[in-house]
Structures are given as structure tokens and as C-alpha cells.
Protein backbone atom coordinates (compact mmCIF):
# COMPACT_ATOMS: atom_id res chain seq x y z
CA MET A 1 28.76 51.12 -36.70
CA ARG A 2 26.26 49.80 -39.25
CA LYS A 3 27.57 46.27 -38.71
CA MET A 4 27.11 46.69 -34.95
CA VAL A 5 23.47 47.78 -35.39
CA SER A 6 22.79 44.86 -37.72
CA TYR A 7 24.32 42.47 -35.20
CA LEU A 8 22.20 43.88 -32.37
CA VAL A 9 19.04 43.57 -34.48
CA TYR A 10 19.97 39.97 -35.33
CA LEU A 11 20.65 39.21 -31.66
CA PHE A 12 17.33 40.75 -30.59
CA LEU A 13 15.36 38.74 -33.17
CA THR A 14 17.17 35.56 -32.15
CA ILE A 15 16.24 36.13 -28.50
CA LEU A 16 12.59 36.65 -29.46
CA LEU A 17 12.54 33.37 -31.36
CA VAL A 18 14.17 31.41 -28.56
CA LEU A 19 12.31 33.06 -25.68
CA PRO A 20 9.02 31.09 -25.84
CA SER A 21 10.77 27.74 -25.54
CA THR A 22 13.51 28.57 -23.06
CA SER A 23 12.74 31.51 -20.80
CA LEU A 24 9.23 30.54 -19.82
CA ALA A 25 9.84 28.16 -16.95
CA LYS A 26 7.66 25.09 -16.82
CA GLU A 27 5.60 24.41 -13.72
CA LYS A 28 7.18 21.76 -11.53
CA VAL A 29 5.13 18.69 -10.65
CA ALA A 30 6.04 15.89 -8.25
CA VAL A 31 4.15 12.61 -8.56
CA VAL A 32 4.02 10.58 -5.37
CA ASP A 33 3.87 6.80 -5.78
CA LEU A 34 0.33 5.44 -5.66
CA LYS A 35 -0.74 3.98 -2.35
CA ALA A 36 -1.42 0.26 -2.69
CA LYS A 37 -4.71 -0.33 -0.92
CA HIS A 38 -6.95 -3.36 -0.46
CA GLY A 39 -6.11 -6.20 -2.87
CA VAL A 40 -3.19 -4.48 -4.65
CA ASN A 41 0.54 -5.13 -4.23
CA GLU A 42 3.22 -2.45 -4.01
CA SER A 43 4.96 -3.41 -7.27
CA LEU A 44 1.77 -2.83 -9.31
CA ALA A 45 1.21 0.55 -7.65
CA GLU A 46 4.82 1.56 -8.31
CA GLY A 47 4.62 0.50 -11.96
CA LEU A 48 1.44 2.50 -12.58
CA SER A 49 3.04 5.51 -10.88
CA VAL A 50 5.74 5.45 -13.59
CA VAL A 51 3.03 5.44 -16.28
CA ILE A 52 1.37 8.47 -14.64
CA ARG A 53 4.67 10.37 -14.48
CA ASP A 54 5.40 9.59 -18.15
CA THR A 55 1.91 10.71 -19.15
CA ILE A 56 2.18 14.11 -17.43
CA HIS A 57 5.72 14.58 -18.79
CA SER A 58 4.48 13.87 -22.34
CA PHE A 59 2.30 17.00 -22.34
CA GLY A 60 5.43 19.15 -22.46
CA ASP A 61 3.94 21.74 -20.11
CA TYR A 62 5.44 20.49 -16.86
CA GLU A 63 8.81 19.69 -15.38
CA VAL A 64 8.06 16.36 -13.74
CA LEU A 65 10.37 15.41 -10.90
CA SER A 66 11.44 11.79 -11.04
CA LYS A 67 11.34 9.58 -7.99
CA ASP A 68 15.14 9.87 -7.73
CA ASP A 69 14.93 13.68 -7.98
CA VAL A 70 12.59 13.75 -5.00
CA LYS A 71 14.86 11.49 -2.97
CA VAL A 72 17.92 13.65 -3.70
CA ILE A 73 16.14 16.84 -2.64
CA ALA A 74 14.75 15.11 0.43
CA GLU A 75 18.27 14.13 1.49
CA ARG A 76 19.21 17.82 1.54
CA THR A 77 16.14 18.97 3.43
CA ALA A 78 14.17 18.01 6.51
CA ILE A 79 11.38 16.25 4.64
CA ARG A 80 12.82 12.75 4.33
CA GLN A 81 10.69 11.41 7.18
CA SER A 82 7.55 12.90 5.64
CA LEU A 83 7.81 11.29 2.19
CA GLY A 84 5.50 8.44 3.13
CA CYS A 85 2.64 10.69 4.20
CA ASP A 86 -0.54 10.97 2.17
CA ASP A 87 -2.74 13.65 3.75
CA THR A 88 -3.18 16.90 1.87
CA GLN A 89 -1.47 19.30 4.29
CA CYS A 90 1.59 17.08 4.56
CA LEU A 91 1.85 16.89 0.76
CA ILE A 92 1.54 20.68 0.55
CA ASN A 93 4.47 21.02 2.94
CA ILE A 94 6.52 18.52 0.92
CA GLY A 95 5.71 20.38 -2.29
CA LYS A 96 6.87 23.67 -0.81
CA SER A 97 10.13 22.05 0.30
CA LEU A 98 10.64 20.55 -3.16
CA GLY A 99 9.78 23.86 -4.86
CA THR A 100 7.00 22.26 -6.92
CA LYS A 101 3.77 24.05 -7.67
CA TYR A 102 1.81 20.81 -7.86
CA MET A 103 1.81 17.45 -6.14
CA VAL A 104 0.00 14.47 -7.64
CA ALA A 105 -1.00 11.71 -5.25
CA GLY A 106 -3.46 8.86 -5.29
CA ALA A 107 -4.28 5.27 -4.52
CA ILE A 108 -5.30 2.04 -6.21
CA SER A 109 -7.43 -0.70 -4.68
CA LYS A 110 -9.20 -3.83 -5.86
CA PHE A 111 -12.53 -5.26 -4.80
CA GLY A 112 -13.45 -8.50 -6.49
CA ASP A 113 -12.56 -8.10 -10.18
CA THR A 114 -12.78 -4.30 -10.14
CA TYR A 115 -9.87 -1.91 -9.65
CA ASN A 116 -10.40 1.62 -8.42
CA LEU A 117 -7.77 4.21 -9.30
CA SER A 118 -7.96 7.68 -7.77
CA LEU A 119 -5.73 10.71 -8.25
CA ARG A 120 -5.77 14.21 -6.83
CA LEU A 121 -3.93 17.33 -7.95
CA ILE A 122 -2.70 19.47 -5.06
CA GLU A 123 -1.49 23.04 -5.50
CA THR A 124 1.20 23.93 -2.98
CA MET A 125 1.84 27.60 -3.83
CA GLY A 126 -0.26 30.75 -3.85
CA ASN A 127 -2.86 32.13 -1.46
CA ASN A 128 -5.13 29.11 -1.55
CA PRO A 129 -3.13 25.87 -1.54
CA GLY A 130 -5.08 22.62 -1.47
CA VAL A 131 -6.77 20.03 -3.67
CA LYS A 132 -7.62 21.50 -7.07
CA GLN A 133 -8.87 18.42 -8.89
CA ARG A 134 -9.83 14.80 -8.28
CA VAL A 135 -10.43 11.98 -10.73
CA TYR A 136 -11.61 8.42 -10.04
CA ARG A 137 -11.81 5.53 -12.47
CA ASN A 138 -13.18 2.01 -12.06
CA CYS A 139 -11.76 -0.75 -14.25
CA LYS A 140 -13.15 -4.27 -14.28
CA CYS A 141 -10.09 -5.58 -16.06
CA VAL A 142 -6.80 -7.43 -15.88
CA GLU A 143 -3.61 -5.72 -14.72
CA ASP A 144 -2.30 -4.97 -18.23
CA GLU A 145 -5.34 -2.85 -19.00
CA LEU A 146 -4.61 -0.60 -16.02
CA ILE A 147 -1.94 1.08 -18.13
CA ASN A 148 -4.57 2.73 -20.30
CA THR A 149 -6.71 3.49 -17.26
CA SER A 150 -3.76 5.29 -15.64
CA ILE A 151 -3.15 7.31 -18.81
CA THR A 152 -6.80 8.34 -18.95
CA VAL A 153 -6.95 9.35 -15.30
CA ALA A 154 -3.70 11.35 -15.45
CA THR A 155 -4.82 13.07 -18.66
CA THR A 156 -8.16 14.08 -17.17
CA LEU A 157 -6.55 15.20 -13.91
CA MET A 158 -4.27 17.66 -15.70
CA GLY A 159 -7.08 19.03 -17.85
CA GLU A 160 -5.64 17.61 -21.07
CA THR A 161 -7.38 15.75 -23.89
CA GLU A 162 -7.00 12.08 -24.75
CA SER A 163 -6.07 12.96 -28.33
CA ARG A 164 -3.03 14.89 -27.17
CA THR A 165 -1.56 11.82 -25.48
CA ALA A 166 -2.63 9.31 -28.12
CA SER A 167 0.59 9.51 -30.14
CA SER A 168 3.10 9.98 -27.34
CA ILE A 169 1.76 7.63 -24.70
CA THR A 170 -0.84 5.17 -25.92
CA ASN A 171 1.18 3.78 -28.84
CA PRO A 172 4.08 2.40 -26.76
CA TYR A 173 1.52 0.33 -24.84
CA VAL A 174 -0.30 -1.43 -27.70
CA GLU A 175 -4.03 -0.95 -27.36
CA SER A 176 -6.25 -3.64 -28.85
CA ASP A 177 -9.80 -3.15 -30.11
CA ARG A 178 -11.04 -4.95 -27.02
CA LEU A 179 -9.21 -2.51 -24.76
CA LYS A 180 -10.74 0.42 -26.65
CA LYS A 181 -14.19 -1.03 -26.10
CA ASP A 182 -13.47 -1.57 -22.41
CA LYS A 183 -12.37 2.05 -22.05
CA GLU A 184 -15.68 3.21 -23.46
CA GLU A 185 -17.61 0.99 -21.09
CA GLN A 186 -15.74 2.04 -17.94
CA ASN A 187 -17.56 4.50 -15.68
CA LEU A 188 -15.60 7.66 -14.97
CA ALA A 189 -16.40 9.31 -11.67
CA PHE A 190 -14.99 12.80 -12.12
CA VAL A 191 -14.94 15.25 -9.22
CA PRO A 192 -16.36 17.88 -9.13
CA GLU A 193 -17.84 17.80 -12.65
CA SER A 194 -20.45 15.45 -14.12
CA THR A 195 -21.58 12.21 -12.51
CA THR A 196 -22.74 9.02 -14.16
CA LYS A 197 -26.38 8.33 -14.91
CA SER A 198 -26.42 5.29 -12.64
CA LYS A 199 -26.13 7.40 -9.50
CA VAL A 200 -29.12 7.68 -7.19
CA ARG A 201 -30.26 11.28 -6.93
CA LEU A 202 -31.20 12.12 -3.37
CA ARG A 203 -33.05 15.19 -2.18
CA ARG A 204 -30.76 18.07 -1.24
CA ARG A 205 -33.28 20.69 -0.23
CA PRO A 206 -34.14 20.63 3.51
CA ARG A 207 -37.75 20.14 4.59
CA LYS A 208 -39.26 21.96 7.53
CA GLY A 209 -42.17 19.62 8.07
CA PHE A 210 -40.66 16.17 7.53
CA ALA A 211 -43.08 13.74 9.20
CA LYS A 212 -42.63 10.14 10.31
CA SER A 213 -44.70 8.92 7.38
CA ASP A 214 -42.35 10.80 5.03
CA ALA A 215 -39.38 9.08 6.62
CA VAL A 216 -40.88 5.60 6.25
CA ARG A 217 -41.75 6.18 2.58
CA MET A 218 -38.25 7.45 1.88
CA LEU A 219 -36.57 4.45 3.53
CA LEU A 220 -38.70 2.03 1.52
CA LYS A 221 -38.23 3.95 -1.74
CA TYR A 222 -34.43 3.74 -1.66
CA SER A 223 -34.22 0.47 0.29
CA PHE A 224 -32.23 2.17 3.06
CA PHE A 225 -31.75 -0.01 6.11
CA ASP A 226 -33.47 1.07 9.32
CA SER A 227 -33.58 -1.23 12.33
CA ARG A 228 -37.12 -0.09 13.14
CA TRP A 229 -38.87 0.87 9.90
CA ASN A 230 -37.06 -1.12 7.18
CA LYS A 231 -35.10 -4.06 8.58
CA GLU A 232 -34.84 -5.70 5.16
CA GLY A 233 -33.36 -2.62 3.53
CA SER A 234 -29.90 -2.80 1.98
CA PHE A 235 -28.46 0.01 -0.14
CA ALA A 236 -25.37 -0.61 -2.31
CA ASN A 237 -22.92 2.20 -1.51
CA HIS A 238 -19.64 2.53 -3.39
CA PHE A 239 -17.29 4.30 -1.02
CA VAL A 240 -13.88 5.69 -1.94
CA ASP A 241 -11.47 7.01 0.69
CA ASN A 242 -10.13 10.29 -0.72
CA GLN A 243 -7.18 10.31 1.69
CA ASP A 244 -8.00 13.86 2.80
CA TYR A 245 -10.48 13.19 5.61
CA THR A 246 -13.33 12.84 3.15
CA VAL A 247 -15.16 9.84 1.68
CA THR A 248 -16.93 9.80 -1.69
CA ASP A 249 -19.96 7.60 -2.34
CA LEU A 250 -20.02 6.97 -6.09
CA ALA A 251 -23.51 5.47 -5.78
CA THR A 252 -25.06 8.78 -4.68
CA GLY A 253 -22.57 11.32 -6.02
CA LEU A 254 -21.94 12.68 -2.53
CA MET A 255 -18.71 13.56 -0.76
CA TRP A 256 -18.83 13.15 3.02
CA GLN A 257 -16.77 14.44 5.86
CA ARG A 258 -15.15 11.29 7.24
CA GLY A 259 -15.34 12.61 10.77
CA GLY A 260 -17.47 15.47 12.02
CA SER A 261 -17.81 18.15 14.63
CA TYR A 262 -15.98 17.74 17.91
CA ASN A 263 -18.82 19.52 19.66
CA ASP A 264 -22.29 18.08 19.98
CA TYR A 265 -25.43 20.17 19.63
CA ARG A 266 -28.94 19.95 21.01
CA VAL A 267 -31.33 18.88 18.27
CA LEU A 268 -33.02 22.26 18.69
CA ASP A 269 -29.82 24.18 17.88
CA ILE A 270 -30.08 24.22 14.10
CA ASN A 271 -28.34 27.58 13.81
CA ALA A 272 -25.36 26.30 15.79
CA MET A 273 -25.05 23.34 13.43
CA LYS A 274 -25.15 25.69 10.47
CA GLY A 275 -22.43 27.74 12.13
CA TYR A 276 -20.18 24.67 12.11
CA ILE A 277 -20.81 24.25 8.37
CA GLU A 278 -20.04 27.93 7.75
CA GLU A 279 -16.72 27.50 9.53
CA LEU A 280 -15.84 24.49 7.34
CA ASN A 281 -16.58 26.54 4.24
CA ARG A 282 -14.63 29.53 5.51
CA LYS A 283 -11.58 27.33 6.01
CA GLN A 284 -12.26 25.46 2.73
CA PHE A 285 -12.14 22.04 4.33
CA ALA A 286 -10.48 19.53 1.95
CA GLY A 287 -10.29 22.32 -0.63
CA TYR A 288 -14.03 23.05 -0.95
CA SER A 289 -16.37 25.77 0.21
CA ASP A 290 -19.77 24.26 -0.62
CA TRP A 291 -20.28 21.98 2.37
CA ARG A 292 -23.80 21.78 3.83
CA LEU A 293 -25.97 19.93 6.31
CA PRO A 294 -27.24 16.69 4.75
CA THR A 295 -30.92 15.92 4.38
CA SER A 296 -32.34 12.96 6.24
CA GLU A 297 -32.34 10.76 3.14
CA GLU A 298 -28.73 11.62 2.37
CA MET A 299 -27.71 10.74 5.91
CA ALA A 300 -29.86 7.58 5.92
CA SER A 301 -27.98 6.37 2.84
CA LEU A 302 -24.97 5.75 5.12
CA LEU A 303 -26.82 3.23 7.31
CA HIS A 304 -25.26 -0.22 6.99
CA PRO A 305 -27.56 -3.22 7.53
CA ARG A 306 -25.12 -4.91 9.93
CA HIS A 307 -23.02 -3.82 12.87
CA GLN A 308 -19.45 -3.16 11.76
CA GLN A 309 -16.29 -3.67 13.81
CA ASN A 310 -16.70 -0.13 15.10
CA ASP A 311 -19.99 -1.30 16.70
CA LEU A 312 -21.94 1.12 14.53
CA TYR A 313 -24.27 0.69 11.57
CA ILE A 314 -21.91 2.58 9.25
CA ALA A 315 -18.91 1.64 7.11
CA GLN A 316 -15.60 1.56 8.95
CA LEU A 317 -14.22 4.26 6.65
CA PHE A 318 -16.10 6.76 8.82
CA SER A 319 -15.26 7.89 12.34
CA ASN A 320 -17.20 6.72 15.37
CA ILE A 321 -19.81 9.46 15.50
CA ILE A 322 -22.98 7.91 16.90
CA ARG A 323 -25.62 10.55 16.18
CA SER A 324 -25.47 12.80 13.11
CA GLY A 325 -27.91 15.66 12.65
CA THR A 326 -29.65 16.58 9.39
CA ALA A 327 -31.18 19.70 7.88
CA ASP A 328 -34.71 18.24 7.91
CA LEU A 329 -36.98 19.40 10.73
CA TYR A 330 -39.62 17.49 12.63
CA THR A 331 -42.52 19.63 13.79
CA GLU A 332 -45.21 18.45 16.16
CA THR A 333 -48.37 19.92 14.66
CA ARG A 334 -49.93 20.45 18.09
CA SER A 335 -46.94 22.41 19.35
CA LYS A 336 -45.91 25.94 18.47
CA LYS A 337 -42.45 25.54 19.98
CA SER A 338 -39.20 25.37 18.01
CA PRO A 339 -38.80 22.45 15.61
CA THR A 340 -36.16 19.78 16.15
CA CYS A 341 -33.93 18.20 13.55
CA TRP A 342 -34.08 14.62 12.36
CA TYR A 343 -30.89 12.68 12.95
CA VAL A 344 -29.44 9.23 12.27
CA ASP A 345 -28.39 7.14 15.25
CA PHE A 346 -25.67 4.82 13.95
CA GLY A 347 -25.53 3.14 17.34
CA ASN A 348 -28.98 1.58 16.97
CA GLY A 349 -29.18 1.85 13.18
CA ARG A 350 -32.19 4.08 12.67
CA LEU A 351 -33.49 7.45 11.61
CA GLU A 352 -34.70 9.35 14.66
CA TYR A 353 -36.47 12.46 15.84
CA ASP A 354 -36.89 13.69 19.39
CA ALA A 355 -40.39 14.97 19.98
CA TYR A 356 -39.53 15.56 23.63
CA ALA A 357 -36.74 18.00 22.75
CA MET A 358 -39.38 20.66 22.19
CA MET A 359 -40.41 20.19 25.80
CA GLY A 360 -36.91 20.56 27.22
CA GLY A 361 -35.26 17.30 26.13
CA THR A 362 -31.48 17.24 25.84
CA THR A 363 -30.77 14.88 22.93
CA LYS A 364 -27.49 15.93 21.32
CA VAL A 365 -26.00 15.21 17.91
CA ASN A 366 -22.81 15.86 15.98
CA VAL A 367 -22.55 17.29 12.51
CA ARG A 368 -21.14 15.37 9.54
CA ALA A 369 -20.99 17.67 6.50
CA VAL A 370 -21.73 16.67 2.92
CA ARG A 371 -21.29 18.19 -0.53
CA SER A 372 -22.56 17.21 -3.96
CA LEU A 373 -20.11 16.27 -6.70
CA GLU A 374 -22.15 17.98 -9.40
């Protein structure tokens, strides 16, 4: 009997020692191959995807599904046709079918000598599935140096520290002193935390008495194009397509709704516009609940100095919304009637107000929401 008790005690202690490493299941993560965008070939995107998988696996906290694992599971389920999708809801559905808590997806593009690598972490389970984290990194470098960029982005995305991956990941890809210096000089655009000092800080607080003279001064101050008041203006945006119906401008630290409201609103109907924003926040559009109406200077920052192929003065990343309302109000000092909002007309490339709306005019605008990254 005494031997039996001793054996049971030994067995119990053994289980306690083994339990932390075996019985606590690791969270499953599936990493989708990077999308090869402008200026990047598929083989480079696929190679960097392997680096990202290896980096996340090296942490030891996650069970990372290999590309072959995903294909095998897809063969058994009805998701094979969806594997090429890239929008958030589709990836959530794939993750649920795979049984993974997280999906990692992203894209890489090249403009001139600069690569842009973006990743997003999508939670597929729980009461609030959606995008939980985004990281962007610019690298003015050669292809070999993108290995270290990929490691950095994946590490930041998963909330890990660079030091933790230094021994297990960085060493196999020899890092020269020059590469270390380049890493320090690269600008990290991290969403939704801090932004770089080079970003232009635009006014967020709405103004109730925004006059024409205020508009002209603002356009000149930031060199925003306006076909009437600042024809020589040209602002250097740095747009990134987030692949979830939003666009980030790294130059201003703003995330924009790529489209906008289906309904249009009279420029007098400020409360109705705010109602649209409230609905976006209630539904946590793109995973966020801090969307708002942009100010006139935020909206004016989207004006492009030349007509694009969409026949609008706005980058082709955005949908074909012609008039977008703002939170700033124009008030005719001689009138006591309701104020009207300023708006940007991307059809004629200018910041506008409708003084006649207060006398029964019917100018209508759509709403394109914005949020700040910091």
C-alpha cells in the first residue's frame, strides 16, 4: 500500500512538471502568403512569407500552420476557392474553417527604390473577430535586406521584442553593420501606436465658424492643391492600401475609409452625417470604433493636383465619391439660419461651401470617415 501511495505521489509530481509544456495548447496561427503588389514579383513575396512564418514560429508561443498544412485542410473543407482572398471577413471565415485563432496577411510593394511591407493580425475567434494589429515598414534597400525588415515587422506585429528573435532568427541571415545602420534609419509606421515625427499634424477639432479666409490660409500653409484658391499646391501623400477597405496616409498619420456612405446628405444635415459615423463605430468598421468626420484640412489633404483615371482629383485607391462632407461649418454672419458644412468636390478639385443651402439649396454630399493613427 505504501508503495502504491509513493507511486501515485511520483506520478502526480511528474504530471505537474510536464503540464506547462504539454497540456497548454498553443494558439494556432496561419500565415497567408504576402500579396505581391506594384513592382514586386510573386517569388519575392513567397520567399518573405517563409521568413515571416519562421519568425513567428521561433517565439515558441504559437503553432504556425505551414503552407502545405493549409492546403491539406482546404482540400477537406469548402474553403479551397477562398484561399486567394485578401479581405478581412474572408480571412476570418478561412481562419474559422482552419481552426486557427489568428490569421496573418499582408502585402509588399515597391515604388522607385523603396519597398513597403505591411502586415495585419486578424483574430478569427471570440465575440469580436477582426483586425487586432497592423504594422507597416518602409525599406529603401536591396532585396536581401528585406529579410531583416520582414523579421522586424513580424516581431512587432506579434507584440514580441527584437531581442527575443535575435538569436533564433537574425543569426541565420547574417546581418552586417551596414544593415544594422539601415534598420535604425528606416521609418516604422506602426498602427495604431506612435507615428513618426515627419508626419504633418492636421487639425482634428471641428470649427463652427470656418470662413473662406481660413480655408485659403490653410490651403497655402500645407500646399494643398485647390483648383480655385491654390492651383500651384501639391502635397506629398504616402498612401498604403490596407486591403480592408481602408487607406492609410503615412504623411498625415490618418486612416481613411476607401469608400464612403451609400446615401448622400444635404450639407445642412450634420446630425445625419454624424449618425453614419456612429453606425460605423457601432459595427467597428475595419476593426475600429474611433471613426469621425474629417475636418476640412484633413479632407483637403486628399486633393490631387491632376485629374486621375477616375476623372477625379483624388488618388485611384479611393472610390469615386465626388463630394465629401467635413465637420467644419460655414456660417454666414448675416444669417441666423442653420450652418452648412464645408465639403471637398473631387470632381472640380476644390474646397467648397454652399452659402445658398441656408436659403433652401439642395447641395448633397457623401461621408468618408477618417481616424487618427495615434
